[in-house]
PDB file of N, CA and C in Angstrom:
ATOM      1  N   UNK A   1       0.749  10.553  -2.746  1.00  0.00           N
ATOM      2  CA  UNK A   1      -0.686  10.554  -2.946  1.00  0.00           C
ATOM      3  C   UNK A   1      -1.421  11.104  -1.725  1.00  0.00           C
ATOM      4  N   UNK A   2      -0.931  10.762  -0.535  1.00  0.00           N
ATOM      5  CA  UNK A   2      -1.611  11.261   0.655  1.00  0.00           C
ATOM      6  C   UNK A   2      -1.488  12.779   0.783  1.00  0.00           C
ATOM      7  N   UNK A   3      -0.340  13.317   0.393  1.00  0.00           N
ATOM      8  CA  UNK A   3      -0.191  14.772   0.440  1.00  0.00           C
ATOM      9  C   UNK A   3      -1.177  15.436  -0.515  1.00  0.00           C
ATOM     10  N   UNK A   4      -1.366  14.852  -1.682  1.00  0.00           N
ATOM     11  CA  UNK A   4      -2.247  15.427  -2.697  1.00  0.00           C
ATOM     12  C   UNK A   4      -3.723  15.189  -2.385  1.00  0.00           C
ATOM     13  N   UNK A   5      -4.077  14.010  -1.892  1.00  0.00           N
ATOM     14  CA  UNK A   5      -5.480  13.628  -1.720  1.00  0.00           C
ATOM     15  C   UNK A   5      -5.913  13.448  -0.272  1.00  0.00           C
ATOM     16  N   UNK A   6      -5.007  13.610   0.667  1.00  0.00           N
ATOM     17  CA  UNK A   6      -5.291  13.322   2.066  1.00  0.00           C
ATOM     18  C   UNK A   6      -6.515  14.025   2.619  1.00  0.00           C
ATOM     19  N   UNK A   7      -6.674  15.301   2.313  1.00  0.00           N
ATOM     20  CA  UNK A   7      -7.827  16.046   2.839  1.00  0.00           C
ATOM     21  C   UNK A   7      -9.136  15.483   2.295  1.00  0.00           C
ATOM     22  N   UNK A   8      -9.135  15.113   1.028  1.00  0.00           N
ATOM     23  CA  UNK A   8     -10.339  14.573   0.387  1.00  0.00           C
ATOM     24  C   UNK A   8     -10.618  13.139   0.851  1.00  0.00           C
ATOM     25  N   UNK A   9      -9.573  12.334   0.944  1.00  0.00           N
ATOM     26  CA  UNK A   9      -9.753  10.946   1.326  1.00  0.00           C
ATOM     27  C   UNK A   9     -10.043  10.788   2.820  1.00  0.00           C
ATOM     28  N   UNK A  10      -9.529  11.693   3.617  1.00  0.00           N
ATOM     29  CA  UNK A  10      -9.765  11.635   5.056  1.00  0.00           C
ATOM     30  C   UNK A  10      -9.309  10.320   5.654  1.00  0.00           C
ATOM     31  N   UNK A  11     -10.155   9.745   6.511  1.00  0.00           N
ATOM     32  CA  UNK A  11      -9.801   8.482   7.163  1.00  0.00           C
ATOM     33  C   UNK A  11     -10.291   7.270   6.378  1.00  0.00           C
ATOM     34  N   UNK A  12     -10.707   7.478   5.126  1.00  0.00           N
ATOM     35  CA  UNK A  12     -11.218   6.375   4.308  1.00  0.00           C
ATOM     36  C   UNK A  12     -10.107   5.601   3.606  1.00  0.00           C
ATOM     37  N   UNK A  13      -8.891   6.178   3.575  1.00  0.00           N
ATOM     38  CA  UNK A  13      -7.767   5.534   2.894  1.00  0.00           C
ATOM     39  C   UNK A  13      -6.595   5.444   3.863  1.00  0.00           C
ATOM     40  N   UNK A  14      -6.043   4.257   3.963  1.00  0.00           N
ATOM     41  CA  UNK A  14      -4.817   4.044   4.743  1.00  0.00           C
ATOM     42  C   UNK A  14      -3.750   3.539   3.801  1.00  0.00           C
ATOM     43  N   UNK A  15      -2.596   4.126   3.885  1.00  0.00           N
ATOM     44  CA  UNK A  15      -1.449   3.622   3.144  1.00  0.00           C
ATOM     45  C   UNK A  15      -0.475   3.101   4.186  1.00  0.00           C
ATOM     46  N   UNK A  16      -0.149   1.825   4.051  1.00  0.00           N
ATOM     47  CA  UNK A  16       0.694   1.150   5.025  1.00  0.00           C
ATOM     48  C   UNK A  16       1.931   0.635   4.305  1.00  0.00           C
ATOM     49  N   UNK A  17       3.084   1.004   4.801  1.00  0.00           N
ATOM     50  CA  UNK A  17       4.336   0.519   4.244  1.00  0.00           C
ATOM     51  C   UNK A  17       4.851  -0.647   5.062  1.00  0.00           C
ATOM     52  N   UNK A  18       5.273  -1.685   4.379  1.00  0.00           N
ATOM     53  CA  UNK A  18       5.846  -2.849   5.038  1.00  0.00           C
ATOM     54  C   UNK A  18       7.241  -3.042   4.467  1.00  0.00           C
ATOM     55  N   UNK A  19       8.235  -2.866   5.292  1.00  0.00           N
ATOM     56  CA  UNK A  19       9.617  -2.896   4.820  1.00  0.00           C
ATOM     57  C   UNK A  19      10.224  -4.284   4.925  1.00  0.00           C
ATOM     58  N   UNK A  20      11.024  -4.615   3.923  1.00  0.00           N
ATOM     59  CA  UNK A  20      11.773  -5.870   3.946  1.00  0.00           C
ATOM     60  C   UNK A  20      13.254  -5.603   4.197  1.00  0.00           C
ATOM     61  N   UNK A  21      13.572  -4.367   4.624  1.00  0.00           N
ATOM     62  CA  UNK A  21      14.959  -4.024   4.899  1.00  0.00           C
ATOM     63  C   UNK A  21      15.555  -4.928   5.972  1.00  0.00           C
ATOM     64  N   UNK A  22      16.893  -4.895   6.063  1.00  0.00           N
ATOM     65  CA  UNK A  22      17.602  -5.801   6.960  1.00  0.00           C
ATOM     66  C   UNK A  22      17.354  -5.526   8.436  1.00  0.00           C
ATOM     67  N   UNK A  23      17.076  -4.264   8.787  1.00  0.00           N
ATOM     68  CA  UNK A  23      16.789  -3.961  10.191  1.00  0.00           C
ATOM     69  C   UNK A  23      15.931  -2.703  10.292  1.00  0.00           C
ATOM     70  N   UNK A  24      15.367  -2.497  11.464  1.00  0.00           N
ATOM     71  CA  UNK A  24      14.429  -1.393  11.677  1.00  0.00           C
ATOM     72  C   UNK A  24      15.093  -0.032  11.524  1.00  0.00           C
ATOM     73  N   UNK A  25      16.367   0.098  11.877  1.00  0.00           N
ATOM     74  CA  UNK A  25      17.063   1.383  11.739  1.00  0.00           C
ATOM     75  C   UNK A  25      17.119   1.841  10.288  1.00  0.00           C
ATOM     76  N   UNK A  26      17.314   0.903   9.372  1.00  0.00           N
ATOM     77  CA  UNK A  26      17.335   1.227   7.944  1.00  0.00           C
ATOM     78  C   UNK A  26      15.971   1.770   7.522  1.00  0.00           C
ATOM     79  N   UNK A  27      14.908   1.156   8.016  1.00  0.00           N
ATOM     80  CA  UNK A  27      13.544   1.598   7.710  1.00  0.00           C
ATOM     81  C   UNK A  27      13.340   3.028   8.209  1.00  0.00           C
ATOM     82  N   UNK A  28      13.694   3.297   9.453  1.00  0.00           N
ATOM     83  CA  UNK A  28      13.515   4.628  10.031  1.00  0.00           C
ATOM     84  C   UNK A  28      14.273   5.697   9.248  1.00  0.00           C
ATOM     85  N   UNK A  29      15.502   5.416   8.880  1.00  0.00           N
ATOM     86  CA  UNK A  29      16.297   6.379   8.101  1.00  0.00           C
ATOM     87  C   UNK A  29      15.648   6.644   6.750  1.00  0.00           C
ATOM     88  N   UNK A  30      15.176   5.587   6.099  1.00  0.00           N
ATOM     89  CA  UNK A  30      14.549   5.722   4.779  1.00  0.00           C
ATOM     90  C   UNK A  30      13.258   6.543   4.870  1.00  0.00           C
ATOM     91  N   UNK A  31      12.433   6.250   5.850  1.00  0.00           N
ATOM     92  CA  UNK A  31      11.170   6.966   6.042  1.00  0.00           C
ATOM     93  C   UNK A  31      11.439   8.455   6.287  1.00  0.00           C
ATOM     94  N   UNK A  32      12.397   8.753   7.152  1.00  0.00           N
ATOM     95  CA  UNK A  32      12.734  10.143   7.451  1.00  0.00           C
ATOM     96  C   UNK A  32      13.294  10.858   6.233  1.00  0.00           C
ATOM     97  N   UNK A  33      14.164  10.194   5.476  1.00  0.00           N
ATOM     98  CA  UNK A  33      14.781  10.849   4.316  1.00  0.00           C
ATOM     99  C   UNK A  33      13.771  11.135   3.213  1.00  0.00           C
ATOM    100  N   UNK A  34      12.736  10.310   3.094  1.00  0.00           N
ATOM    101  CA  UNK A  34      11.693  10.499   2.083  1.00  0.00           C
ATOM    102  C   UNK A  34      10.572  11.421   2.557  1.00  0.00           C
ATOM    103  N   UNK A  35      10.511  11.691   3.859  1.00  0.00           N
ATOM    104  CA  UNK A  35       9.447  12.528   4.391  1.00  0.00           C
ATOM    105  C   UNK A  35       8.093  11.844   4.420  1.00  0.00           C
ATOM    106  N   UNK A  36       8.108  10.530   4.567  1.00  0.00           N
ATOM    107  CA  UNK A  36       6.869   9.745   4.543  1.00  0.00           C
ATOM    108  C   UNK A  36       6.250   9.665   5.935  1.00  0.00           C
ATOM    109  N   UNK A  37       5.930  10.790   6.514  1.00  0.00           N
ATOM    110  CA  UNK A  37       5.430  10.808   7.882  1.00  0.00           C
ATOM    111  C   UNK A  37       3.943  10.503   7.981  1.00  0.00           C
ATOM    112  N   UNK A  38       3.194  10.625   6.892  1.00  0.00           N
ATOM    113  CA  UNK A  38       1.757  10.365   6.949  1.00  0.00           C
ATOM    114  C   UNK A  38       1.391   8.922   6.593  1.00  0.00           C
ATOM    115  N   UNK A  39       2.391   8.109   6.353  1.00  0.00           N
ATOM    116  CA  UNK A  39       2.181   6.695   6.011  1.00  0.00           C
ATOM    117  C   UNK A  39       2.555   5.848   7.220  1.00  0.00           C
ATOM    118  N   UNK A  40       1.754   4.837   7.496  1.00  0.00           N
ATOM    119  CA  UNK A  40       2.101   3.889   8.563  1.00  0.00           C
ATOM    120  C   UNK A  40       3.203   2.979   8.044  1.00  0.00           C
ATOM    121  N   UNK A  41       4.203   2.737   8.855  1.00  0.00           N
ATOM    122  CA  UNK A  41       5.322   1.892   8.428  1.00  0.00           C
ATOM    123  C   UNK A  41       5.541   0.755   9.415  1.00  0.00           C
ATOM    124  N   UNK A  42       5.790  -0.402   8.850  1.00  0.00           N
ATOM    125  CA  UNK A  42       6.084  -1.582   9.643  1.00  0.00           C
ATOM    126  C   UNK A  42       7.289  -2.287   9.044  1.00  0.00           C
ATOM    127  N   UNK A  43       8.031  -2.942   9.879  1.00  0.00           N
ATOM    128  CA  UNK A  43       9.169  -3.743   9.449  1.00  0.00           C
ATOM    129  C   UNK A  43       8.792  -5.197   9.638  1.00  0.00           C
ATOM    130  N   UNK A  44       8.922  -5.970   8.582  1.00  0.00           N
ATOM    131  CA  UNK A  44       8.436  -7.356   8.644  1.00  0.00           C
ATOM    132  C   UNK A  44       9.272  -8.256   9.526  1.00  0.00           C
ATOM    133  N   UNK A  45      10.484  -7.834   9.862  1.00  0.00           N
ATOM    134  CA  UNK A  45      11.369  -8.618  10.723  1.00  0.00           C
ATOM    135  C   UNK A  45      11.431 -10.064  10.224  1.00  0.00           C
ATOM    136  N   UNK A  46      11.118 -11.022  11.067  1.00  0.00           N
ATOM    137  CA  UNK A  46      11.212 -12.427  10.678  1.00  0.00           C
ATOM    138  C   UNK A  46       9.894 -13.034  10.245  1.00  0.00           C
ATOM    139  N   UNK A  47       8.900 -12.203   9.933  1.00  0.00           N
ATOM    140  CA  UNK A  47       7.581 -12.742   9.589  1.00  0.00           C
ATOM    141  C   UNK A  47       7.572 -13.397   8.210  1.00  0.00           C
ATOM    142  N   UNK A  48       6.518 -14.115   7.934  1.00  0.00           N
ATOM    143  CA  UNK A  48       6.351 -14.784   6.640  1.00  0.00           C
ATOM    144  C   UNK A  48       5.393 -14.016   5.726  1.00  0.00           C
ATOM    145  N   UNK A  49       5.185 -12.721   6.008  1.00  0.00           N
ATOM    146  CA  UNK A  49       4.185 -11.957   5.256  1.00  0.00           C
ATOM    147  C   UNK A  49       4.476 -11.909   3.752  1.00  0.00           C
ATOM    148  N   UNK A  50       5.740 -11.849   3.349  1.00  0.00           N
ATOM    149  CA  UNK A  50       6.032 -11.823   1.914  1.00  0.00           C
ATOM    150  C   UNK A  50       5.536 -13.094   1.240  1.00  0.00           C
ATOM    151  N   UNK A  51       5.794 -14.217   1.852  1.00  0.00           N
ATOM    152  CA  UNK A  51       5.310 -15.491   1.318  1.00  0.00           C
ATOM    153  C   UNK A  51       3.785 -15.547   1.380  1.00  0.00           C
ATOM    154  N   UNK A  52       3.218 -15.137   2.504  1.00  0.00           N
ATOM    155  CA  UNK A  52       1.771 -15.197   2.701  1.00  0.00           C
ATOM    156  C   UNK A  52       1.005 -14.388   1.663  1.00  0.00           C
ATOM    157  N   UNK A  53       1.564 -13.240   1.253  1.00  0.00           N
ATOM    158  CA  UNK A  53       0.872 -12.353   0.315  1.00  0.00           C
ATOM    159  C   UNK A  53       1.471 -12.386  -1.094  1.00  0.00           C
ATOM    160  N   UNK A  54       2.329 -13.345  -1.370  1.00  0.00           N
ATOM    161  CA  UNK A  54       2.850 -13.531  -2.713  1.00  0.00           C
ATOM    162  C   UNK A  54       3.755 -12.414  -3.204  1.00  0.00           C
ATOM    163  N   UNK A  55       4.498 -11.808  -2.304  1.00  0.00           N
ATOM    164  CA  UNK A  55       5.405 -10.729  -2.690  1.00  0.00           C
ATOM    165  C   UNK A  55       6.650 -11.340  -3.302  1.00  0.00           C
ATOM    166  N   UNK A  56       6.877 -11.030  -4.585  1.00  0.00           N
ATOM    167  CA  UNK A  56       8.058 -11.554  -5.258  1.00  0.00           C
ATOM    168  C   UNK A  56       9.048 -10.450  -5.600  1.00  0.00           C
ATOM    169  N   UNK A  57       8.675  -9.212  -5.352  1.00  0.00           N
ATOM    170  CA  UNK A  57       9.566  -8.092  -5.608  1.00  0.00           C
ATOM    171  C   UNK A  57       9.006  -6.828  -4.999  1.00  0.00           C
ATOM    172  N   UNK A  58       9.790  -5.776  -5.034  1.00  0.00           N
ATOM    173  CA  UNK A  58       9.348  -4.491  -4.504  1.00  0.00           C
ATOM    174  C   UNK A  58       9.486  -3.431  -5.589  1.00  0.00           C
ATOM    175  N   UNK A  59       8.609  -2.460  -5.597  1.00  0.00           N
ATOM    176  CA  UNK A  59       7.490  -2.292  -4.682  1.00  0.00           C
ATOM    177  C   UNK A  59       6.356  -3.268  -4.988  1.00  0.00           C
ATOM    178  N   UNK A  60       5.477  -3.438  -4.053  1.00  0.00           N
ATOM    179  CA  UNK A  60       4.361  -4.373  -4.150  1.00  0.00           C
ATOM    180  C   UNK A  60       3.158  -3.721  -3.484  1.00  0.00           C
ATOM    181  N   UNK A  61       2.007  -3.791  -4.121  1.00  0.00           N
ATOM    182  CA  UNK A  61       0.811  -3.113  -3.627  1.00  0.00           C
ATOM    183  C   UNK A  61      -0.324  -4.114  -3.453  1.00  0.00           C
ATOM    184  N   UNK A  62      -1.081  -3.922  -2.385  1.00  0.00           N
ATOM    185  CA  UNK A  62      -2.327  -4.660  -2.178  1.00  0.00           C
ATOM    186  C   UNK A  62      -3.402  -3.622  -1.926  1.00  0.00           C
ATOM    187  N   UNK A  63      -4.449  -3.620  -2.751  1.00  0.00           N
ATOM    188  CA  UNK A  63      -5.589  -2.733  -2.534  1.00  0.00           C
ATOM    189  C   UNK A  63      -6.712  -3.545  -1.916  1.00  0.00           C
ATOM    190  N   UNK A  64      -7.331  -2.978  -0.897  1.00  0.00           N
ATOM    191  CA  UNK A  64      -8.412  -3.646  -0.172  1.00  0.00           C
ATOM    192  C   UNK A  64      -9.654  -2.768  -0.269  1.00  0.00           C
ATOM    193  N   UNK A  65     -10.782  -3.363  -0.662  1.00  0.00           N
ATOM    194  CA  UNK A  65     -12.005  -2.575  -0.847  1.00  0.00           C
ATOM    195  C   UNK A  65     -12.746  -2.366   0.469  1.00  0.00           C
ATOM    196  N   UNK A  66     -13.909  -1.729   0.381  1.00  0.00           N
ATOM    197  CA  UNK A  66     -14.700  -1.409   1.574  1.00  0.00           C
ATOM    198  C   UNK A  66     -15.206  -2.651   2.297  1.00  0.00           C
ATOM    199  N   UNK A  67     -15.287  -3.770   1.602  1.00  0.00           N
ATOM    200  CA  UNK A  67     -15.743  -5.022   2.207  1.00  0.00           C
ATOM    201  C   UNK A  67     -14.565  -5.842   2.745  1.00  0.00           C
ATOM    202  N   UNK A  68     -13.398  -5.218   2.833  1.00  0.00           N
ATOM    203  CA  UNK A  68     -12.172  -5.861   3.321  1.00  0.00           C
ATOM    204  C   UNK A  68     -11.700  -7.006   2.432  1.00  0.00           C
ATOM    205  N   UNK A  69     -12.012  -6.920   1.144  1.00  0.00           N
ATOM    206  CA  UNK A  69     -11.570  -7.927   0.175  1.00  0.00           C
ATOM    207  C   UNK A  69     -10.358  -7.383  -0.582  1.00  0.00           C
ATOM    208  N   UNK A  70      -9.310  -8.208  -0.718  1.00  0.00           N
ATOM    209  CA  UNK A  70      -8.157  -7.806  -1.518  1.00  0.00           C
ATOM    210  C   UNK A  70      -8.585  -7.827  -2.983  1.00  0.00           C
ATOM    211  N   UNK A  71      -8.512  -6.679  -3.640  1.00  0.00           N
ATOM    212  CA  UNK A  71      -8.988  -6.576  -5.021  1.00  0.00           C
ATOM    213  C   UNK A  71      -7.866  -6.356  -6.023  1.00  0.00           C
ATOM    214  N   UNK A  72      -6.672  -6.058  -5.545  1.00  0.00           N
ATOM    215  CA  UNK A  72      -5.508  -5.954  -6.427  1.00  0.00           C
ATOM    216  C   UNK A  72      -4.270  -6.298  -5.630  1.00  0.00           C
ATOM    217  N   UNK A  73      -3.427  -7.128  -6.228  1.00  0.00           N
ATOM    218  CA  UNK A  73      -2.124  -7.464  -5.663  1.00  0.00           C
ATOM    219  C   UNK A  73      -1.132  -7.417  -6.806  1.00  0.00           C
ATOM    220  N   UNK A  74      -0.088  -6.630  -6.658  1.00  0.00           N
ATOM    221  CA  UNK A  74       0.915  -6.592  -7.713  1.00  0.00           C
ATOM    222  C   UNK A  74       1.790  -5.364  -7.666  1.00  0.00           C
ATOM    223  N   UNK A  75       2.481  -5.124  -8.756  1.00  0.00           N
ATOM    224  CA  UNK A  75       3.393  -3.989  -8.869  1.00  0.00           C
ATOM    225  C   UNK A  75       2.581  -2.724  -9.128  1.00  0.00           C
ATOM    226  N   UNK A  76       2.876  -1.633  -8.426  1.00  0.00           N
ATOM    227  CA  UNK A  76       2.081  -0.415  -8.587  1.00  0.00           C
ATOM    228  C   UNK A  76       2.139   0.199  -9.982  1.00  0.00           C
ATOM    229  N   UNK A  77       3.163  -0.106 -10.759  1.00  0.00           N
ATOM    230  CA  UNK A  77       3.245   0.438 -12.119  1.00  0.00           C
ATOM    231  C   UNK A  77       2.242  -0.221 -13.058  1.00  0.00           C
ATOM    232  N   UNK A  78       1.661  -1.340 -12.641  1.00  0.00           N
ATOM    233  CA  UNK A  78       0.721  -2.050 -13.508  1.00  0.00           C
ATOM    234  C   UNK A  78      -0.722  -1.602 -13.305  1.00  0.00           C
ATOM    235  N   UNK A  79      -0.935  -0.554 -12.495  1.00  0.00           N
ATOM    236  CA  UNK A  79      -2.283  -0.079 -12.207  1.00  0.00           C
ATOM    237  C   UNK A  79      -2.209   1.429 -11.948  1.00  0.00           C
ATOM    238  N   UNK A  80      -3.268   2.128 -12.248  1.00  0.00           N
ATOM    239  CA  UNK A  80      -3.358   3.542 -11.897  1.00  0.00           C
ATOM    240  C   UNK A  80      -3.873   3.590 -10.461  1.00  0.00           C
ATOM    241  N   UNK A  81      -2.963   3.710  -9.516  1.00  0.00           N
ATOM    242  CA  UNK A  81      -3.330   3.633  -8.101  1.00  0.00           C
ATOM    243  C   UNK A  81      -4.344   4.688  -7.691  1.00  0.00           C
ATOM    244  N   UNK A  82      -4.105   5.929  -8.081  1.00  0.00           N
ATOM    245  CA  UNK A  82      -5.013   7.001  -7.678  1.00  0.00           C
ATOM    246  C   UNK A  82      -6.416   6.771  -8.218  1.00  0.00           C
ATOM    247  N   UNK A  83      -6.529   6.425  -9.493  1.00  0.00           N
ATOM    248  CA  UNK A  83      -7.846   6.172 -10.093  1.00  0.00           C
ATOM    249  C   UNK A  83      -8.506   4.961  -9.444  1.00  0.00           C
ATOM    250  N   UNK A  84      -7.722   3.947  -9.144  1.00  0.00           N
ATOM    251  CA  UNK A  84      -8.273   2.741  -8.518  1.00  0.00           C
ATOM    252  C   UNK A  84      -8.777   3.036  -7.118  1.00  0.00           C
ATOM    253  N   UNK A  85      -8.039   3.829  -6.361  1.00  0.00           N
ATOM    254  CA  UNK A  85      -8.487   4.200  -5.018  1.00  0.00           C
ATOM    255  C   UNK A  85      -9.772   5.012  -5.102  1.00  0.00           C
ATOM    256  N   UNK A  86      -9.841   5.933  -6.059  1.00  0.00           N
ATOM    257  CA  UNK A  86     -11.058   6.739  -6.236  1.00  0.00           C
ATOM    258  C   UNK A  86     -12.262   5.844  -6.548  1.00  0.00           C
ATOM    259  N   UNK A  87     -12.072   4.845  -7.409  1.00  0.00           N
ATOM    260  CA  UNK A  87     -13.159   3.920  -7.743  1.00  0.00           C
ATOM    261  C   UNK A  87     -13.606   3.140  -6.511  1.00  0.00           C
ATOM    262  N   UNK A  88     -12.641   2.647  -5.751  1.00  0.00           N
ATOM    263  CA  UNK A  88     -12.985   1.884  -4.552  1.00  0.00           C
ATOM    264  C   UNK A  88     -13.729   2.740  -3.541  1.00  0.00           C
ATOM    265  N   UNK A  89     -13.358   4.007  -3.418  1.00  0.00           N
ATOM    266  CA  UNK A  89     -14.048   4.909  -2.494  1.00  0.00           C
ATOM    267  C   UNK A  89     -15.500   5.144  -2.899  1.00  0.00           C
ATOM    268  N   UNK A  90     -15.759   5.063  -4.206  1.00  0.00           N
ATOM    269  CA  UNK A  90     -17.125   5.229  -4.706  1.00  0.00           C
ATOM    270  C   UNK A  90     -17.913   3.920  -4.620  1.00  0.00           C
ATOM    271  N   UNK A  91     -17.270   2.857  -4.177  1.00  0.00           N
ATOM    272  CA  UNK A  91     -17.938   1.567  -4.093  1.00  0.00           C
ATOM    273  C   UNK A  91     -17.916   0.789  -5.387  1.00  0.00           C
ATOM    274  N   UNK A  92     -17.138   1.267  -6.365  1.00  0.00           N
ATOM    275  CA  UNK A  92     -17.045   0.588  -7.662  1.00  0.00           C
ATOM    276  C   UNK A  92     -16.048  -0.563  -7.565  1.00  0.00           C
ATOM    277  N   UNK A  93     -16.170  -1.482  -8.506  1.00  0.00           N
ATOM    278  CA  UNK A  93     -15.206  -2.575  -8.576  1.00  0.00           C
ATOM    279  C   UNK A  93     -14.131  -2.228  -9.583  1.00  0.00           C
ATOM    280  N   UNK A  94     -12.993  -2.867  -9.442  1.00  0.00           N
ATOM    281  CA  UNK A  94     -11.907  -2.665 -10.382  1.00  0.00           C
ATOM    282  C   UNK A  94     -12.051  -3.669 -11.506  1.00  0.00           C
ATOM    283  N   UNK A  95     -12.226  -3.190 -12.704  1.00  0.00           N
ATOM    284  CA  UNK A  95     -12.392  -4.063 -13.872  1.00  0.00           C
ATOM    285  C   UNK A  95     -11.030  -4.540 -14.367  1.00  0.00           C
ATOM    286  N   UNK A  96     -10.967  -5.806 -14.702  1.00  0.00           N
ATOM    287  CA  UNK A  96      -9.747  -6.358 -15.277  1.00  0.00           C
ATOM    288  C   UNK A  96      -8.623  -6.580 -14.294  1.00  0.00           C
ATOM    289  N   UNK A  97      -8.875  -6.310 -13.050  1.00  0.00           N
ATOM    290  CA  UNK A  97      -7.849  -6.518 -12.023  1.00  0.00           C
ATOM    291  C   UNK A  97      -8.291  -7.688 -11.155  1.00  0.00           C
ATOM    292  N   UNK A  98      -7.338  -8.324 -10.557  1.00  0.00           N
ATOM    293  CA  UNK A  98      -7.704  -9.409  -9.655  1.00  0.00           C
ATOM    294  C   UNK A  98      -6.660  -9.565  -8.577  1.00  0.00           C
ATOM    295  N   UNK A  99      -7.083 -10.153  -7.505  1.00  0.00           N
ATOM    296  CA  UNK A  99      -6.163 -10.384  -6.398  1.00  0.00           C
ATOM    297  C   UNK A  99      -5.814 -11.850  -6.363  1.00  0.00           C
TER     298      UNK A  99
END
């Protein structure tokens, strides 16, 4: 999505990857093999972030609006991510979705 929309979205959209892999080297290899250089990547290591944000499987997406409110939490296949990001950029709310 960033390759396709990055110029239009500019600095208004951040995509952050949080890995649950066993170690940081696995994350680095995966990021390099996929060519995901424009996405911020973090390794959760021993943190409780999965529990804190209700992650029960991967992939898992959290969309945050302009007011820093989580407006969608869940599997990315259950939402049109690109359309939802476009709506949030316009200041619209996501109908039928909840965090």
